[in-house]
N, C-alpha and C. Protein backbone atom coordinates (compact mmCIF):
# COMPACT_ATOMS: atom_id res chain seq x y z
N UNK A 1 -0.53 -20.59 -26.00
CA UNK A 1 0.04 -20.47 -24.98
C UNK A 1 0.03 -20.98 -23.69
N UNK A 2 1.50 -21.71 -23.24
CA UNK A 2 1.32 -22.77 -22.36
C UNK A 2 0.97 -21.89 -20.59
N UNK A 3 0.53 -22.50 -19.62
CA UNK A 3 -0.42 -21.87 -18.57
C UNK A 3 1.68 -21.38 -18.12
N UNK A 4 1.25 -20.43 -16.71
CA UNK A 4 2.61 -20.19 -15.97
C UNK A 4 3.04 -21.39 -15.24
N UNK A 5 4.31 -21.55 -14.72
CA UNK A 5 4.54 -22.20 -14.00
C UNK A 5 3.75 -22.29 -12.50
N UNK A 6 3.16 -22.72 -11.72
CA UNK A 6 2.71 -22.93 -10.84
C UNK A 6 3.91 -22.14 -9.71
N UNK A 7 3.88 -21.44 -8.75
CA UNK A 7 5.21 -20.67 -7.67
C UNK A 7 5.12 -21.75 -6.77
N UNK A 8 5.86 -21.79 -6.35
CA UNK A 8 6.53 -22.88 -4.74
C UNK A 8 6.23 -22.03 -3.88
N UNK A 9 5.23 -22.47 -2.95
CA UNK A 9 5.03 -21.60 -1.73
C UNK A 9 6.17 -21.08 -0.79
N UNK A 10 6.01 -19.91 -0.55
CA UNK A 10 6.93 -19.33 -0.40
C UNK A 10 8.09 -19.57 1.06
N UNK A 11 8.75 -19.68 0.96
CA UNK A 11 9.67 -20.16 1.94
C UNK A 11 10.46 -19.03 2.95
N UNK A 12 10.73 -19.25 4.27
CA UNK A 12 11.16 -18.60 5.34
C UNK A 12 12.97 -18.75 4.88
N UNK A 13 13.34 -18.29 3.72
CA UNK A 13 14.51 -18.45 3.30
C UNK A 13 15.94 -18.41 4.52
N UNK A 14 15.54 -17.32 5.52
CA UNK A 14 16.50 -17.29 5.98
C UNK A 14 17.39 -18.40 6.77
N UNK A 15 16.08 -19.29 6.97
CA UNK A 15 16.92 -21.02 7.73
C UNK A 15 17.90 -20.86 6.70
N UNK A 16 17.89 -20.91 5.88
CA UNK A 16 18.55 -21.60 4.69
C UNK A 16 19.90 -21.11 4.80
N UNK A 17 20.09 -20.01 5.10
CA UNK A 17 21.23 -19.20 4.94
C UNK A 17 22.30 -19.35 6.21
N UNK A 18 21.15 -19.57 7.06
CA UNK A 18 21.78 -19.68 8.42
C UNK A 18 22.66 -20.83 8.15
N UNK A 19 21.71 -21.96 7.88
CA UNK A 19 22.25 -23.65 8.04
C UNK A 19 23.61 -23.90 7.23
N UNK A 20 23.42 -22.62 5.89
CA UNK A 20 24.40 -23.05 4.66
C UNK A 20 26.09 -22.43 5.04
N UNK A 21 25.60 -21.13 5.71
CA UNK A 21 26.90 -20.55 6.57
C UNK A 21 27.44 -21.65 7.86
N UNK A 22 26.73 -21.96 8.68
CA UNK A 22 27.39 -22.87 9.82
C UNK A 22 27.87 -24.34 8.72
N UNK A 23 27.51 -24.55 7.51
CA UNK A 23 27.76 -25.74 6.91
C UNK A 23 29.10 -25.35 6.32
N UNK A 24 29.15 -24.25 5.45
CA UNK A 24 30.48 -24.07 5.39
C UNK A 24 31.58 -23.54 5.82
N UNK A 25 31.38 -22.49 7.03
CA UNK A 25 31.66 -21.59 8.01
C UNK A 25 32.40 -22.39 9.45
N UNK A 26 31.84 -23.22 9.93
CA UNK A 26 31.46 -23.97 11.09
C UNK A 26 31.19 -23.47 12.04
N UNK A 27 30.97 -24.06 13.28
CA UNK A 27 30.47 -23.50 14.36
C UNK A 27 30.73 -21.78 14.53
N UNK A 28 30.11 -20.92 14.73
CA UNK A 28 30.22 -19.41 15.08
C UNK A 28 29.41 -18.71 16.15
N UNK A 29 29.48 -17.75 16.43
CA UNK A 29 28.28 -17.29 17.58
C UNK A 29 27.33 -16.44 16.32
N UNK A 30 26.42 -15.83 16.73
CA UNK A 30 25.71 -15.41 16.42
C UNK A 30 26.20 -13.99 15.51
N UNK A 31 26.98 -13.03 16.20
CA UNK A 31 27.83 -11.96 15.64
C UNK A 31 28.73 -12.54 14.42
N UNK A 32 29.66 -13.86 14.68
CA UNK A 32 30.24 -13.88 13.42
C UNK A 32 29.58 -14.24 12.29
N UNK A 33 28.05 -14.97 12.60
CA UNK A 33 27.44 -15.32 11.39
C UNK A 33 26.67 -13.99 10.54
N UNK A 34 26.88 -12.83 11.69
CA UNK A 34 26.09 -11.71 10.86
C UNK A 34 27.25 -11.07 10.03
N UNK A 35 28.39 -11.30 10.35
CA UNK A 35 29.22 -10.51 9.91
C UNK A 35 29.77 -11.46 8.24
N UNK A 36 29.56 -13.21 9.01
CA UNK A 36 30.35 -14.01 7.61
C UNK A 36 29.13 -13.55 6.45
N UNK A 37 27.63 -13.73 7.19
CA UNK A 37 26.43 -13.47 5.69
C UNK A 37 27.33 -11.66 5.20
N UNK A 38 27.39 -10.81 5.85
CA UNK A 38 27.46 -9.38 5.13
C UNK A 38 28.95 -9.66 3.74
N UNK A 39 30.10 -10.59 5.01
CA UNK A 39 31.08 -10.24 3.79
C UNK A 39 31.32 -11.50 2.65
N UNK A 40 30.12 -12.26 2.49
CA UNK A 40 29.85 -13.44 1.92
C UNK A 40 28.61 -13.09 0.74
N UNK A 41 27.46 -13.79 1.30
CA UNK A 41 26.37 -13.91 0.54
C UNK A 41 25.85 -12.22 0.34
N UNK A 42 26.11 -11.88 1.41
CA UNK A 42 25.26 -10.30 1.77
C UNK A 42 25.37 -9.74 0.23
N UNK A 43 26.44 -10.15 -0.44
CA UNK A 43 26.99 -9.23 -2.15
C UNK A 43 25.92 -9.50 -2.75
N UNK A 44 25.09 -10.25 -3.01
CA UNK A 44 24.13 -10.91 -3.70
C UNK A 44 23.06 -11.27 -3.06
N UNK A 45 22.67 -11.37 -1.72
CA UNK A 45 20.97 -12.04 -1.41
C UNK A 45 20.96 -10.91 0.03
N UNK A 46 19.78 -10.27 0.03
CA UNK A 46 19.52 -9.32 1.05
C UNK A 46 18.89 -10.43 1.67
N UNK A 47 19.69 -9.87 3.22
CA UNK A 47 19.21 -10.80 4.42
C UNK A 47 19.11 -9.67 5.42
N UNK A 48 17.75 -9.90 6.06
CA UNK A 48 17.13 -9.06 7.20
C UNK A 48 18.07 -9.43 8.48
N UNK A 49 19.28 -8.78 9.05
CA UNK A 49 19.87 -9.26 10.25
C UNK A 49 19.26 -9.39 11.14
N UNK A 50 18.02 -9.04 11.75
CA UNK A 50 16.90 -9.00 12.50
C UNK A 50 16.53 -10.26 12.51
N UNK A 51 16.39 -11.10 11.61
CA UNK A 51 15.77 -12.13 11.40
C UNK A 51 16.99 -13.59 11.89
N UNK A 52 18.42 -13.22 11.86
CA UNK A 52 19.13 -13.94 12.44
C UNK A 52 18.41 -14.95 13.65
N UNK A 53 18.72 -14.42 14.51
CA UNK A 53 18.60 -14.57 15.78
C UNK A 53 16.95 -15.38 16.22
N UNK A 54 16.16 -14.96 15.40
CA UNK A 54 14.87 -16.06 15.20
C UNK A 54 15.01 -16.81 14.65
N UNK A 55 15.57 -17.15 13.67
CA UNK A 55 16.36 -17.92 13.03
C UNK A 55 16.36 -19.27 13.86
N UNK A 56 17.84 -18.60 14.14
CA UNK A 56 19.00 -19.65 15.05
C UNK A 56 18.28 -20.57 16.20
N UNK A 57 17.28 -19.40 16.82
CA UNK A 57 16.09 -20.12 17.78
C UNK A 57 15.45 -21.39 17.14
N UNK A 58 14.52 -21.13 16.32
CA UNK A 58 13.80 -21.79 15.61
C UNK A 58 14.51 -22.91 14.88
N UNK A 59 15.48 -22.66 14.30
CA UNK A 59 16.48 -24.14 14.23
C UNK A 59 16.56 -24.80 14.79
N UNK A 60 17.29 -24.18 16.46
CA UNK A 60 17.63 -25.11 17.68
C UNK A 60 16.30 -25.82 17.63
N UNK A 61 15.16 -25.17 17.74
CA UNK A 61 13.92 -25.64 18.70
C UNK A 61 13.37 -27.06 17.69
N UNK A 62 13.93 -27.01 16.32
CA UNK A 62 13.92 -27.97 15.17
C UNK A 62 14.87 -28.75 15.59
N UNK A 63 15.83 -28.88 16.06
CA UNK A 63 16.89 -30.00 16.36
C UNK A 63 17.73 -29.73 14.85
N UNK A 64 17.45 -28.58 14.46
CA UNK A 64 18.87 -28.46 12.96
C UNK A 64 20.06 -27.92 13.25
N UNK A 65 20.24 -26.74 14.39
CA UNK A 65 21.18 -26.60 14.76
C UNK A 65 21.63 -26.57 16.55
N UNK A 66 22.41 -26.70 16.62
CA UNK A 66 23.13 -26.92 18.42
C UNK A 66 23.53 -25.80 18.87
N UNK A 67 23.84 -25.52 20.29
CA UNK A 67 24.71 -24.43 20.63
C UNK A 67 25.01 -24.67 21.91
N UNK A 68 26.33 -23.88 22.35
CA UNK A 68 27.00 -24.38 23.33
C UNK A 68 27.41 -22.67 24.26
N UNK A 69 27.96 -22.64 25.08
CA UNK A 69 28.18 -21.19 25.83
C UNK A 69 29.77 -20.77 25.22
N UNK A 70 30.06 -19.72 25.16
CA UNK A 70 31.46 -19.38 24.50
C UNK A 70 32.17 -18.61 25.70
N UNK A 71 32.80 -19.27 26.03
CA UNK A 71 33.99 -19.48 27.24
C UNK A 71 34.90 -18.11 27.03
N UNK A 72 35.28 -17.13 28.25
CA UNK A 72 35.91 -16.36 28.18
C UNK A 72 35.01 -15.27 27.34
N UNK A 73 33.46 -15.50 27.30
CA UNK A 73 33.40 -13.89 26.93
C UNK A 73 32.43 -12.84 27.67
N UNK A 74 32.92 -11.77 28.19
CA UNK A 74 32.55 -10.74 29.28
C UNK A 74 31.07 -10.21 28.98
N UNK A 75 30.28 -10.27 29.77
CA UNK A 75 29.08 -9.75 30.24
C UNK A 75 28.35 -11.14 29.92
N UNK A 76 27.37 -10.54 29.22
CA UNK A 76 26.03 -11.90 28.26
C UNK A 76 26.96 -12.33 27.71
N UNK A 77 26.65 -13.80 27.90
CA UNK A 77 27.21 -15.10 27.75
C UNK A 77 27.04 -15.35 26.30
N UNK A 78 28.09 -15.48 25.56
CA UNK A 78 27.80 -15.51 23.41
C UNK A 78 27.15 -17.34 23.66
N UNK A 79 26.74 -17.69 22.58
CA UNK A 79 26.37 -19.05 22.17
C UNK A 79 27.29 -19.18 21.04
N UNK A 80 27.97 -20.09 20.84
CA UNK A 80 28.46 -20.47 19.59
C UNK A 80 27.54 -21.69 18.98
N UNK A 81 27.13 -21.24 17.90
CA UNK A 81 26.37 -22.09 16.97
C UNK A 81 26.40 -22.77 15.96
N UNK A 82 26.15 -24.41 16.11
CA UNK A 82 26.51 -25.15 14.91
C UNK A 82 26.09 -26.08 13.98
N UNK A 83 26.21 -26.69 13.09
CA UNK A 83 24.76 -27.18 12.05
C UNK A 83 25.01 -28.88 13.00
N UNK A 84 23.50 -29.29 13.19
CA UNK A 84 23.52 -30.66 13.40
C UNK A 84 22.89 -31.29 12.32
N UNK A 85 23.70 -33.06 12.36
CA UNK A 85 23.15 -33.67 10.73
C UNK A 85 21.86 -33.99 10.84
N UNK A 86 20.90 -33.22 11.27
CA UNK A 86 19.33 -33.04 10.60
C UNK A 86 19.56 -32.10 9.83
N UNK A 87 20.42 -30.85 10.39
CA UNK A 87 20.70 -29.44 9.63
C UNK A 87 21.22 -30.11 8.64
N UNK A 88 22.04 -31.00 8.42
CA UNK A 88 22.83 -30.98 7.18
C UNK A 88 21.47 -31.75 6.00
N UNK A 89 21.21 -32.84 6.39
CA UNK A 89 20.19 -32.86 5.80
C UNK A 89 19.07 -32.22 5.16
N UNK A 90 18.65 -31.23 6.14
CA UNK A 90 17.62 -30.27 5.71
C UNK A 90 18.14 -29.08 4.59
N UNK A 91 19.39 -28.85 4.94
CA UNK A 91 20.06 -27.86 3.60
C UNK A 91 20.37 -28.35 2.63
N UNK A 92 21.01 -29.80 2.20
CA UNK A 92 20.77 -30.22 1.18
C UNK A 92 19.57 -30.78 0.34
N UNK A 93 18.71 -30.96 1.26
CA UNK A 93 17.11 -30.87 0.80
C UNK A 93 16.71 -29.89 0.00
N UNK A 94 17.14 -29.07 0.74
CA UNK A 94 16.16 -27.55 -0.17
C UNK A 94 17.66 -27.03 -1.26
N UNK A 95 18.74 -27.38 -0.88
CA UNK A 95 19.36 -27.24 -2.52
C UNK A 95 18.94 -28.21 -3.28
N UNK A 96 18.36 -29.02 -3.30
CA UNK A 96 18.30 -30.04 -4.02
C UNK A 96 16.69 -29.42 -4.82
N UNK A 97 15.59 -28.48 -4.25
CA UNK A 97 15.27 -27.86 -5.28
C UNK A 97 15.38 -26.87 -5.95
N UNK A 98 14.71 -26.97 -7.40
CA UNK A 98 14.75 -25.80 -8.32
C UNK A 98 14.76 -24.38 -7.64
N UNK A 99 15.87 -23.31 -8.11
CA UNK A 99 16.12 -22.16 -7.53
C UNK A 99 14.59 -21.53 -7.99
N UNK A 100 13.96 -20.78 -7.42
CA UNK A 100 12.58 -19.95 -7.60
C UNK A 100 13.34 -18.84 -8.30
N UNK A 101 12.67 -18.69 -9.76
CA UNK A 101 13.17 -17.46 -10.68
C UNK A 101 11.97 -16.44 -10.13
N UNK A 102 12.34 -15.59 -9.14
CA UNK A 102 11.16 -14.35 -9.30
C UNK A 102 12.02 -13.12 -9.77
N UNK A 103 10.17 -12.97 -10.88
CA UNK A 103 10.31 -11.56 -11.10
C UNK A 103 10.97 -10.45 -10.80
N UNK A 104 12.35 -9.85 -11.13
CA UNK A 104 12.75 -8.84 -11.06
C UNK A 104 12.20 -7.37 -10.60
N UNK A 105 12.47 -6.75 -9.66
CA UNK A 105 12.15 -5.50 -9.60
C UNK A 105 13.06 -4.58 -9.58
N UNK A 106 13.59 -3.59 -11.14
CA UNK A 106 14.32 -3.04 -11.62
C UNK A 106 13.91 -1.33 -11.79
N UNK A 107 13.93 -0.66 -10.66
CA UNK A 107 13.29 0.67 -10.68
C UNK A 107 14.18 1.36 -11.43
N UNK A 108 15.58 1.23 -12.09
CA UNK A 108 15.88 1.88 -13.62
C UNK A 108 15.30 1.87 -14.50
N UNK A 109 14.88 0.29 -15.04
CA UNK A 109 14.28 0.11 -15.81
C UNK A 109 12.94 0.63 -15.83
N UNK A 110 12.13 0.48 -14.93
CA UNK A 110 10.89 1.10 -14.78
C UNK A 110 10.81 2.69 -15.21
N UNK A 111 11.59 3.49 -14.94
CA UNK A 111 12.01 4.83 -15.38
C UNK A 111 12.26 5.01 -16.79
N UNK A 112 13.31 4.35 -17.11
CA UNK A 112 13.98 4.62 -18.70
C UNK A 112 12.35 4.02 -19.58
N UNK A 113 11.90 3.03 -18.74
CA UNK A 113 10.40 2.62 -19.91
C UNK A 113 9.72 3.73 -19.83
N UNK A 114 9.89 4.94 -18.73
CA UNK A 114 8.20 5.92 -18.83
C UNK A 114 9.31 7.30 -19.17
N UNK A 115 10.94 7.33 -19.59
CA UNK A 115 11.67 8.50 -19.69
C UNK A 115 10.75 9.52 -20.75
N UNK A 116 9.76 9.12 -21.25
CA UNK A 116 9.34 10.26 -22.43
C UNK A 116 8.44 11.16 -21.86
N UNK A 117 7.98 10.79 -20.43
CA UNK A 117 7.23 11.39 -20.17
C UNK A 117 8.15 12.90 -19.60
N UNK A 118 9.53 12.96 -19.23
CA UNK A 118 10.17 13.72 -18.99
C UNK A 118 11.65 14.53 -20.01
N UNK A 119 12.28 15.09 -19.71
CA UNK A 119 12.80 15.67 -20.34
C UNK A 119 14.45 14.52 -20.64
N UNK A 120 15.00 14.61 -21.70
CA UNK A 120 16.77 13.66 -21.89
C UNK A 120 17.56 13.69 -20.60
N UNK A 121 17.44 14.89 -19.72
CA UNK A 121 18.72 15.64 -19.02
C UNK A 121 18.17 14.79 -17.46
N UNK A 122 16.74 14.49 -17.53
CA UNK A 122 16.70 13.61 -16.14
C UNK A 122 16.51 12.15 -16.42
N UNK A 123 16.84 11.51 -17.50
CA UNK A 123 17.15 10.06 -17.61
C UNK A 123 18.49 10.04 -17.53
N UNK A 124 19.11 10.77 -18.27
CA UNK A 124 20.82 10.87 -18.13
C UNK A 124 21.52 11.42 -16.92
N UNK A 125 20.66 11.31 -16.21
CA UNK A 125 21.54 12.05 -14.87
C UNK A 125 21.03 10.62 -13.59
N UNK A 126 19.84 10.02 -13.93
CA UNK A 126 19.77 8.56 -13.26
C UNK A 126 20.80 7.51 -13.63
N UNK A 127 21.17 7.88 -15.01
CA UNK A 127 21.71 6.49 -15.91
C UNK A 127 23.40 6.99 -14.96
N UNK A 128 23.64 8.02 -14.90
CA UNK A 128 25.09 8.63 -14.33
C UNK A 128 25.17 7.87 -13.03
N UNK A 129 23.96 8.71 -12.06
CA UNK A 129 23.81 7.73 -10.67
C UNK A 129 24.42 6.31 -10.77
N UNK A 130 23.38 5.40 -11.48
CA UNK A 130 23.78 3.94 -11.48
C UNK A 130 25.12 3.96 -12.30
N UNK A 131 25.35 4.64 -13.06
CA UNK A 131 26.83 3.75 -13.04
C UNK A 131 27.47 4.52 -12.00
N UNK A 132 27.93 5.31 -11.39
CA UNK A 132 28.53 5.75 -10.23
C UNK A 132 28.68 4.25 -9.06
N UNK A 133 27.34 4.28 -8.97
CA UNK A 133 26.76 2.96 -8.10
C UNK A 133 27.80 1.74 -8.26
N UNK A 134 27.40 1.08 -9.84
CA UNK A 134 27.66 0.49 -10.34
C UNK A 134 29.23 0.02 -10.34
N UNK A 135 30.14 1.50 -10.81
CA UNK A 135 31.61 1.62 -10.71
C UNK A 135 32.14 1.31 -9.55
N UNK A 136 31.51 1.52 -8.01
CA UNK A 136 32.26 1.05 -6.56
C UNK A 136 31.93 0.21 -6.35
N UNK A 137 31.04 -1.15 -7.62
CA UNK A 137 30.86 -1.98 -7.03
C UNK A 137 31.51 -2.83 -7.64
N UNK A 138 31.55 -2.37 -8.78
CA UNK A 138 32.80 -3.44 -9.72
C UNK A 138 34.13 -3.07 -9.26
N UNK A 139 33.98 -2.00 -8.43
CA UNK A 139 35.92 -1.63 -7.58
C UNK A 139 35.85 -2.90 -6.60
N UNK A 140 34.74 -2.72 -5.29
CA UNK A 140 34.86 -3.47 -4.87
C UNK A 140 35.06 -5.01 -5.10
N UNK A 141 34.17 -5.60 -6.57
CA UNK A 141 34.61 -7.12 -6.46
C UNK A 141 36.09 -7.12 -6.72
N UNK A 142 36.28 -6.26 -7.44
CA UNK A 142 37.94 -6.79 -8.17
C UNK A 142 38.94 -6.76 -7.26
N UNK A 143 38.43 -6.06 -5.96
CA UNK A 143 39.69 -6.27 -4.33
C UNK A 143 39.37 -7.05 -3.25
N UNK A 144 37.88 -7.62 -4.15
CA UNK A 144 38.02 -9.24 -3.22
C UNK A 144 38.58 -10.09 -4.36
N UNK A 145 38.51 -10.30 -5.48
CA UNK A 145 39.47 -10.43 -6.27
C UNK A 145 40.63 -10.87 -5.83
N UNK A 146 41.07 -9.72 -6.22
CA UNK A 146 42.50 -9.59 -5.36
C UNK A 146 43.09 -10.16 -4.26
N UNK A 147 42.35 -10.10 -3.67
CA UNK A 147 42.79 -11.15 -2.74
C UNK A 147 42.29 -12.22 -1.92
N UNK A 148 41.57 -12.87 -3.52
CA UNK A 148 41.22 -14.38 -3.43
C UNK A 148 42.04 -15.22 -2.41
N UNK A 149 43.12 -15.42 -3.26
CA UNK A 149 43.54 -17.09 -2.92
C UNK A 149 44.18 -16.77 -1.71
N UNK A 150 44.98 -15.43 -1.20
CA UNK A 150 45.36 -15.61 0.35
C UNK A 150 43.92 -15.38 1.20
N UNK A 151 42.88 -15.33 1.13
CA UNK A 151 41.54 -15.27 2.02
C UNK A 151 40.99 -16.50 1.76
N UNK A 152 40.77 -17.57 0.89
CA UNK A 152 40.04 -18.82 0.82
C UNK A 152 41.24 -19.96 1.19
N UNK A 153 42.30 -19.86 0.72
CA UNK A 153 42.95 -20.92 1.62
C UNK A 153 43.26 -22.01 1.48
N UNK A 154 42.53 -22.19 -0.02
CA UNK A 154 42.56 -24.12 -0.24
C UNK A 154 41.00 -24.32 -0.04
N UNK A 155 40.08 -23.63 0.45
CA UNK A 155 38.90 -24.02 1.29
C UNK A 155 38.34 -24.54 0.23
N UNK A 156 37.51 -25.87 0.56
CA UNK A 156 36.96 -27.13 -0.84
C UNK A 156 35.75 -26.48 -1.33
N UNK A 157 35.06 -25.47 -1.09
CA UNK A 157 34.14 -24.90 -1.22
C UNK A 157 34.29 -23.51 -2.43
N UNK A 158 35.23 -22.81 -2.11
CA UNK A 158 35.86 -21.38 -2.72
C UNK A 158 35.86 -21.85 -4.10
N UNK A 159 35.87 -22.81 -5.25
CA UNK A 159 35.73 -22.74 -6.28
C UNK A 159 33.90 -22.38 -6.68
N UNK A 160 33.40 -22.69 -5.99
CA UNK A 160 31.61 -22.21 -5.96
C UNK A 160 32.13 -21.06 -5.11
N UNK A 161 32.79 -20.50 -4.23
CA UNK A 161 32.56 -19.15 -3.69
C UNK A 161 33.01 -18.37 -4.69
N UNK A 162 33.75 -18.68 -5.50
CA UNK A 162 34.13 -17.72 -7.06
C UNK A 162 33.35 -17.86 -7.71
N UNK A 163 32.06 -18.47 -8.19
CA UNK A 163 31.38 -18.26 -9.18
C UNK A 163 30.66 -17.64 -8.86
N UNK A 164 30.27 -17.15 -7.68
CA UNK A 164 29.30 -16.40 -7.35
C UNK A 164 30.04 -14.43 -7.72
N UNK A 165 31.65 -14.28 -7.11
CA UNK A 165 32.05 -13.28 -7.25
C UNK A 165 32.13 -13.18 -9.02
N UNK A 166 32.52 -14.08 -9.81
CA UNK A 166 32.97 -13.81 -11.05
C UNK A 166 31.17 -13.50 -11.48
N UNK A 167 30.18 -13.79 -11.48
CA UNK A 167 28.38 -13.64 -11.30
C UNK A 167 28.98 -11.91 -11.12
N UNK A 168 29.15 -11.32 -9.97
CA UNK A 168 29.25 -10.34 -10.04
C UNK A 168 30.31 -9.06 -10.62
N UNK A 169 31.13 -9.69 -10.80
CA UNK A 169 31.94 -8.95 -11.94
C UNK A 169 31.26 -9.03 -12.95
N UNK A 170 30.97 -9.83 -13.47
CA UNK A 170 29.97 -10.00 -15.06
C UNK A 170 29.30 -9.02 -15.15
N UNK A 171 28.05 -9.31 -14.49
CA UNK A 171 27.08 -8.31 -14.02
C UNK A 171 27.44 -7.10 -14.50
N UNK A 172 28.26 -6.34 -13.33
CA UNK A 172 28.44 -5.36 -12.90
C UNK A 172 29.13 -4.56 -14.60
N UNK A 173 30.06 -5.39 -15.27
CA UNK A 173 30.70 -5.13 -16.29
C UNK A 173 29.64 -4.64 -17.77
N UNK A 174 28.95 -5.79 -17.74
CA UNK A 174 27.52 -5.85 -18.80
C UNK A 174 26.78 -4.81 -18.65
N UNK A 175 26.39 -4.32 -16.97
CA UNK A 175 25.59 -3.26 -16.71
C UNK A 175 26.40 -1.85 -17.46
N UNK A 176 27.56 -1.73 -16.83
CA UNK A 176 28.19 -0.75 -17.37
C UNK A 176 28.18 -0.18 -19.17
N UNK A 177 28.47 -1.12 -19.57
CA UNK A 177 28.25 -1.15 -20.89
C UNK A 177 27.08 -0.76 -21.39
N UNK A 178 26.43 -1.72 -20.71
CA UNK A 178 24.69 -1.04 -21.40
C UNK A 178 23.72 0.65 -21.02
N UNK A 179 24.66 0.93 -19.78
CA UNK A 179 24.37 2.12 -19.50
C UNK A 179 25.36 3.51 -20.28
N UNK A 180 26.43 2.80 -21.14
CA UNK A 180 26.85 3.58 -21.95
C UNK A 180 26.02 3.77 -23.19
N UNK A 181 25.52 2.64 -23.64
CA UNK A 181 24.75 2.42 -24.94
C UNK A 181 23.39 3.10 -24.49
N UNK A 182 22.94 3.22 -23.63
CA UNK A 182 21.58 3.72 -23.18
C UNK A 182 21.67 5.40 -22.94
N UNK A 183 22.94 5.48 -23.11
CA UNK A 183 22.84 7.21 -22.79
C UNK A 183 22.64 7.68 -24.20
N UNK A 184 23.51 6.53 -24.80
CA UNK A 184 24.00 6.99 -26.26
C UNK A 184 22.71 7.64 -27.19
N UNK A 185 21.69 6.32 -26.85
CA UNK A 185 20.11 6.22 -27.20
C UNK A 185 19.21 7.84 -26.71
N UNK A 186 19.81 7.94 -25.21
CA UNK A 186 19.03 8.66 -24.72
C UNK A 186 19.04 10.12 -25.20
N UNK A 187 20.53 10.42 -25.32
CA UNK A 187 20.79 11.64 -26.43
C UNK A 187 20.42 12.19 -27.50
N UNK A 188 20.78 10.68 -28.36
CA UNK A 188 20.21 10.92 -29.83
C UNK A 188 18.49 11.12 -29.93
N UNK A 189 18.09 10.41 -29.14
CA UNK A 189 16.23 10.47 -29.21
C UNK A 189 15.92 11.96 -28.48
N UNK A 190 16.60 12.63 -27.86
CA UNK A 190 16.12 14.02 -27.29
C UNK A 190 16.45 14.68 -28.35
N UNK A 191 17.81 14.89 -28.88
CA UNK A 191 18.09 16.03 -29.91
C UNK A 191 17.29 15.51 -30.96
N UNK A 192 16.63 14.06 -31.14
CA UNK A 192 15.71 14.41 -32.45
C UNK A 192 14.32 14.80 -32.13
N UNK A 193 13.72 14.78 -30.82
CA UNK A 193 12.52 15.20 -30.50
C UNK A 193 12.75 16.65 -30.56
N UNK A 194 13.50 17.35 -29.93
CA UNK A 194 14.12 18.97 -30.22
C UNK A 194 13.90 19.42 -31.55
N UNK A 195 14.24 18.61 -32.33
CA UNK A 195 14.54 19.41 -33.79
C UNK A 195 12.98 19.66 -34.38
N UNK A 196 12.76 20.58 -34.92
CA UNK A 196 11.91 21.51 -35.72
C UNK A 196 11.14 20.51 -36.92
N UNK A 197 10.19 19.93 -37.08
CA UNK A 197 9.75 18.88 -37.91
C UNK A 197 9.24 19.42 -39.24
N UNK A 198 10.41 19.28 -40.25
CA UNK A 198 10.52 20.12 -41.63
C UNK A 198 8.78 19.84 -41.90
N UNK A 199 8.67 21.02 -42.74
CA UNK A 199 7.64 21.16 -43.59
C UNK A 199 7.34 20.85 -44.87
N UNK A 200 6.40 20.34 -45.27
CA UNK A 200 6.48 19.66 -46.30
C UNK A 200 6.53 20.58 -47.53
N UNK A 201 7.20 20.09 -48.96
CA UNK A 201 7.15 21.09 -49.42
C UNK A 201 5.95 21.25 -50.66
N UNK A 202 5.34 20.34 -50.82
CA UNK A 202 3.89 20.48 -51.29
C UNK A 202 3.00 20.53 -50.47
N UNK A 203 2.75 21.19 -49.31
CA UNK A 203 1.68 21.81 -49.06
C UNK A 203 2.44 23.02 -48.59
N UNK A 204 1.06 24.10 -49.04
CA UNK A 204 0.79 25.34 -49.43
C UNK A 204 0.50 26.21 -47.98
N UNK A 205 0.57 27.24 -47.87
CA UNK A 205 -0.31 28.18 -46.53
C UNK A 205 -1.42 27.81 -46.01
N UNK A 206 -1.54 27.49 -45.53
CA UNK A 206 -2.53 27.31 -44.39
C UNK A 206 -3.91 28.50 -44.72
N UNK A 207 -4.93 28.03 -44.97
CA UNK A 207 -6.00 29.19 -45.93
C UNK A 207 -6.42 29.81 -44.23
N UNK A 208 -7.00 30.75 -44.38
CA UNK A 208 -7.13 31.61 -43.23
C UNK A 208 -9.21 31.04 -43.35
N UNK A 209 -8.89 30.53 -42.02
CA UNK A 209 -10.74 30.47 -41.27
C UNK A 209 -11.72 31.73 -42.05
N UNK A 210 -12.62 31.27 -42.63
CA UNK A 210 -13.71 32.14 -43.08
C UNK A 210 -14.94 32.35 -41.52
N UNK A 211 -15.86 33.71 -41.97
CA UNK A 211 -16.25 33.87 -41.08
C UNK A 211 -17.50 32.74 -40.85
N UNK A 212 -17.96 32.35 -39.79
CA UNK A 212 -18.85 31.45 -39.66
C UNK A 212 -18.28 29.71 -39.40
N UNK A 213 -17.24 30.22 -39.23
CA UNK A 213 -15.89 28.57 -38.98
C UNK A 213 -15.85 27.98 -40.37
N UNK A 214 -16.17 28.00 -41.30
CA UNK A 214 -15.99 27.66 -42.70
C UNK A 214 -14.68 28.18 -43.56
N UNK A 215 -14.21 27.25 -44.44
CA UNK A 215 -13.22 28.13 -45.20
C UNK A 215 -13.41 27.90 -46.96
């Protein structure tokens, strides 16, 4: 058996999310960056928003982003952040690295694997709940797709963005189809386990035990 491929050292990828958003979306405030992440890569990449401002400060110290005051901002002055040429080089370096294929953690599959420990109704309820969530997710993706042309307005990176949206749509549809198959299997297996085992015709009545524990 081939030895497993060594894992790449874990990186703080928040910095690359920030660099990427500033590269494609242009200069923006920290709040605008948070909104941009939530409305785009936030659909498939869980990012800690509490790390965005520390990441911006760290990138600024490294000379990868720059900031300037936002005129006309009431109260505490906001900063507008932009990517620097060095930041674009760092983003390009990271993009050229092979994607890290991390082992998935899917609680639904974990519970399906151990479903024999409970009645089928428990697993069916879990499958139904996930189906409702996936249905809502698919509906949201399809709504984004319906507004796609108007909202992207010929942005040069729009085809790449659309690939990520299409992945989400395909994933949700495939997962919903799998859920239907899983429900059918769980119902059929539940009925089979509940049915009494047939007695063999060749097997006679079990003899009564004799005194002393012998027959």
